[in-house]
Protein backbone atom coordinates (compact mmCIF):
# COMPACT_ATOMS: atom_id res chain seq x y z
CA UNK A 1 30.11 -139.47 -87.06
CA UNK A 2 30.80 -139.67 -90.89
CA UNK A 3 33.64 -137.47 -92.57
CA UNK A 4 32.56 -134.50 -94.16
CA UNK A 5 34.07 -134.61 -97.88
CA UNK A 6 35.40 -131.05 -98.86
CA UNK A 7 34.91 -130.05 -102.49
CA UNK A 8 38.77 -130.02 -103.21
CA UNK A 9 38.43 -133.79 -102.42
CA UNK A 10 36.09 -134.81 -105.17
CA UNK A 11 37.09 -135.88 -108.24
CA UNK A 12 35.35 -133.12 -110.15
CA UNK A 13 37.43 -130.54 -108.63
CA UNK A 14 41.02 -132.64 -109.25
CA UNK A 15 39.62 -133.06 -112.71
CA UNK A 16 39.17 -129.25 -113.07
CA UNK A 17 42.31 -128.47 -111.21
CA UNK A 18 44.37 -130.66 -113.55
CA UNK A 19 42.60 -129.16 -116.73
CA UNK A 20 43.06 -125.53 -115.42
CA UNK A 21 46.94 -126.32 -114.30
CA UNK A 22 47.47 -128.00 -117.53
CA UNK A 23 46.49 -124.73 -119.34
CA UNK A 24 48.76 -122.60 -117.08
CA UNK A 25 51.72 -124.97 -118.03
CA UNK A 26 50.82 -124.54 -121.48
CA UNK A 27 50.69 -120.80 -121.52
CA UNK A 28 53.97 -120.52 -119.38
CA UNK A 29 55.40 -122.52 -121.94
CA UNK A 30 54.47 -120.78 -124.88
CA UNK A 31 54.60 -117.16 -123.83
CA UNK A 32 58.50 -117.35 -123.99
CA UNK A 33 60.44 -119.64 -126.29
CA UNK A 34 64.04 -119.26 -126.89
CA UNK A 35 64.62 -121.62 -129.68
CA UNK A 36 67.83 -123.90 -129.59
CA UNK A 37 68.70 -124.51 -133.28
CA UNK A 38 70.85 -127.89 -133.15
CA UNK A 39 67.88 -129.76 -131.37
CA UNK A 40 65.03 -127.89 -132.55
CA UNK A 41 63.79 -127.67 -128.94
CA UNK A 42 63.33 -124.39 -126.89
CA UNK A 43 63.84 -122.90 -123.61
CA UNK A 44 60.75 -121.50 -121.76
CA UNK A 45 58.97 -120.68 -118.56
CA UNK A 46 57.00 -123.71 -118.23
CA UNK A 47 59.22 -125.03 -115.32
CA UNK A 48 57.91 -122.11 -113.28
CA UNK A 49 54.65 -123.48 -113.40
CA UNK A 50 55.56 -127.09 -113.00
CA UNK A 51 57.43 -126.10 -109.78
CA UNK A 52 54.67 -124.01 -108.32
CA UNK A 53 52.16 -126.83 -109.20
CA UNK A 54 54.30 -129.40 -107.38
CA UNK A 55 54.78 -127.06 -104.32
CA UNK A 56 50.92 -126.60 -103.90
CA UNK A 57 49.14 -129.02 -105.55
CA UNK A 58 51.35 -132.29 -105.00
CA UNK A 59 52.64 -134.98 -106.95
CA UNK A 60 49.76 -136.22 -109.19
CA UNK A 61 48.66 -132.74 -110.17
CA UNK A 62 52.45 -131.98 -110.93
CA UNK A 63 52.77 -134.96 -113.13
CA UNK A 64 49.43 -134.54 -114.81
CA UNK A 65 49.51 -130.83 -115.40
CA UNK A 66 53.34 -130.98 -116.40
CA UNK A 67 53.16 -133.65 -119.10
CA UNK A 68 49.82 -132.49 -120.56
CA UNK A 69 50.68 -128.76 -120.48
CA UNK A 70 53.96 -129.06 -121.81
CA UNK A 71 53.21 -131.72 -124.16
CA UNK A 72 50.19 -129.55 -125.61
CA UNK A 73 52.73 -126.42 -126.09
CA UNK A 74 54.86 -128.33 -128.10
CA UNK A 75 52.04 -129.68 -130.41
CA UNK A 76 50.73 -126.23 -130.63
CA UNK A 77 54.01 -124.50 -131.12
CA UNK A 78 55.03 -127.04 -133.78
CA UNK A 79 57.37 -128.93 -132.07
CA UNK A 80 55.14 -132.34 -131.88
CA UNK A 81 58.25 -134.47 -132.21
CA UNK A 82 59.13 -133.23 -128.75
CA UNK A 83 55.68 -133.77 -127.19
CA UNK A 84 55.98 -137.00 -126.06
CA UNK A 85 59.15 -136.60 -124.64
CA UNK A 86 57.92 -133.29 -122.87
CA UNK A 87 55.03 -134.98 -121.22
CA UNK A 88 57.09 -137.67 -119.95
CA UNK A 89 60.32 -135.69 -118.76
CA UNK A 90 57.99 -132.84 -117.46
CA UNK A 91 55.60 -135.01 -115.84
CA UNK A 92 58.14 -136.81 -113.82
CA UNK A 93 59.81 -133.79 -113.10
CA UNK A 94 56.89 -132.39 -111.58
CA UNK A 95 56.24 -135.51 -109.86
CA UNK A 96 59.56 -136.04 -108.22
CA UNK A 97 59.73 -132.25 -107.08
CA UNK A 98 56.46 -132.71 -105.32
CA UNK A 99 57.72 -136.20 -103.83
CA UNK A 100 60.76 -134.31 -102.33
CA UNK A 101 58.53 -131.23 -101.19
CA UNK A 102 55.64 -133.76 -99.45
CA UNK A 103 59.34 -134.88 -97.17
CA UNK A 104 59.66 -130.94 -95.92
CA UNK A 105 55.61 -130.92 -95.40
CA UNK A 106 55.99 -133.45 -92.65
CA UNK A 107 55.51 -132.07 -89.17
CA UNK A 108 59.11 -133.63 -87.62
CA UNK A 109 61.18 -132.40 -90.61
CA UNK A 110 62.39 -128.99 -89.93
CA UNK A 111 64.94 -127.61 -92.88
CA UNK A 112 65.53 -124.28 -93.89
CA UNK A 113 63.83 -122.95 -97.13
CA UNK A 114 67.22 -122.61 -98.83
CA UNK A 115 67.93 -126.64 -98.36
CA UNK A 116 64.39 -127.21 -99.55
CA UNK A 117 64.66 -125.31 -102.67
CA UNK A 118 68.11 -126.67 -103.13
CA UNK A 119 67.08 -130.27 -103.09
CA UNK A 120 64.07 -129.57 -105.49
CA UNK A 121 65.87 -127.88 -107.89
CA UNK A 122 68.22 -130.61 -107.81
CA UNK A 123 65.57 -133.24 -108.25
CA UNK A 124 63.90 -131.24 -110.80
CA UNK A 125 66.95 -130.38 -112.74
CA UNK A 126 68.49 -133.85 -113.14
CA UNK A 127 64.97 -135.71 -114.19
CA UNK A 128 64.45 -132.84 -116.74
CA UNK A 129 68.12 -132.67 -118.29
CA UNK A 130 68.72 -136.20 -118.39
CA UNK A 131 65.63 -137.22 -119.55
CA UNK A 132 65.77 -134.49 -122.52
CA UNK A 133 69.63 -135.11 -122.78
CA UNK A 134 68.79 -139.27 -123.47
CA UNK A 135 65.76 -138.39 -125.69
CA UNK A 136 67.72 -135.87 -127.93
CA UNK A 137 70.48 -138.78 -128.24
CA UNK A 138 67.71 -140.30 -129.98
CA UNK A 139 66.08 -137.45 -131.89
CA UNK A 140 68.99 -135.42 -132.93
CA UNK A 141 72.32 -136.95 -131.91
CA UNK A 142 74.92 -136.54 -129.15
CA UNK A 143 76.17 -133.37 -130.03
CA UNK A 144 73.07 -131.36 -130.57
CA UNK A 145 71.82 -133.10 -127.20
CA UNK A 146 74.89 -131.70 -125.38
CA UNK A 147 73.98 -127.94 -126.46
CA UNK A 148 70.66 -128.10 -124.63
CA UNK A 149 72.04 -128.89 -121.28
CA UNK A 150 72.87 -125.50 -120.24
CA UNK A 151 69.60 -123.93 -121.26
CA UNK A 152 67.93 -126.79 -119.45
CA UNK A 153 69.72 -126.06 -116.53
CA UNK A 154 68.99 -122.39 -116.72
CA UNK A 155 65.28 -123.35 -117.27
CA UNK A 156 65.27 -125.17 -113.89
CA UNK A 157 66.88 -122.17 -112.10
CA UNK A 158 64.21 -119.77 -113.36
CA UNK A 159 61.67 -122.74 -112.57
CA UNK A 160 62.56 -123.10 -109.08
CA UNK A 161 63.00 -119.00 -108.27
CA UNK A 162 59.73 -118.26 -110.04
CA UNK A 163 57.77 -121.37 -108.86
CA UNK A 164 59.24 -120.90 -104.93
CA UNK A 165 58.44 -117.21 -105.11
CA UNK A 166 54.67 -117.76 -106.48
CA UNK A 167 53.82 -120.36 -104.11
CA UNK A 168 55.06 -118.87 -101.09
CA UNK A 169 52.71 -115.70 -102.11
CA UNK A 170 49.76 -117.93 -103.09
CA UNK A 171 49.83 -119.57 -99.84
CA UNK A 172 50.00 -116.30 -98.07
CA UNK A 173 47.30 -114.76 -99.89
CA UNK A 174 45.16 -117.69 -99.71
CA UNK A 175 46.02 -120.09 -97.03
CA UNK A 176 43.27 -122.60 -97.46
CA UNK A 177 45.25 -123.52 -100.79
CA UNK A 178 47.22 -126.72 -98.81
CA UNK A 179 43.76 -128.48 -99.13
CA UNK A 180 44.37 -128.70 -103.00
CA UNK A 181 47.18 -131.25 -102.64
CA UNK A 182 47.19 -134.58 -104.10
């Protein structure tokens, strides 16, 4: 008997999802921006959307939407010099958060939610803080790059708190969303 393909498994659905999720990341990134003068960067809420997407939609969606959404936000907000960095750093941030989270989705892996959140936070924070620090070294120098570290850690704390809360709420309100991972 042939396997029936769910609409969520089609290429059209995946492309549409990434476009919509990228727009969500862009909006979360633009709505609240706290400038960091030495680097000409900014702290934002984009990580809330990236963590949420990683938890709900998986590594590919998190990479594409996280990278595209933050890159577009930088271009729209006048931070064009950071757009390629944001694409690479936030794309990888979302990808690795989702990979770590996938480990917890396996049936034989029973770990409490606090440990899940802590490990996902650490992975996301390490990727993002290290990525922006290295880029900052090249773009603005070591002093300015160091100034950005505390803001990036705070941004990741907001990301895990908001993203996990949003993911739990969406899964509870619409359980079929679990079929949208890829």
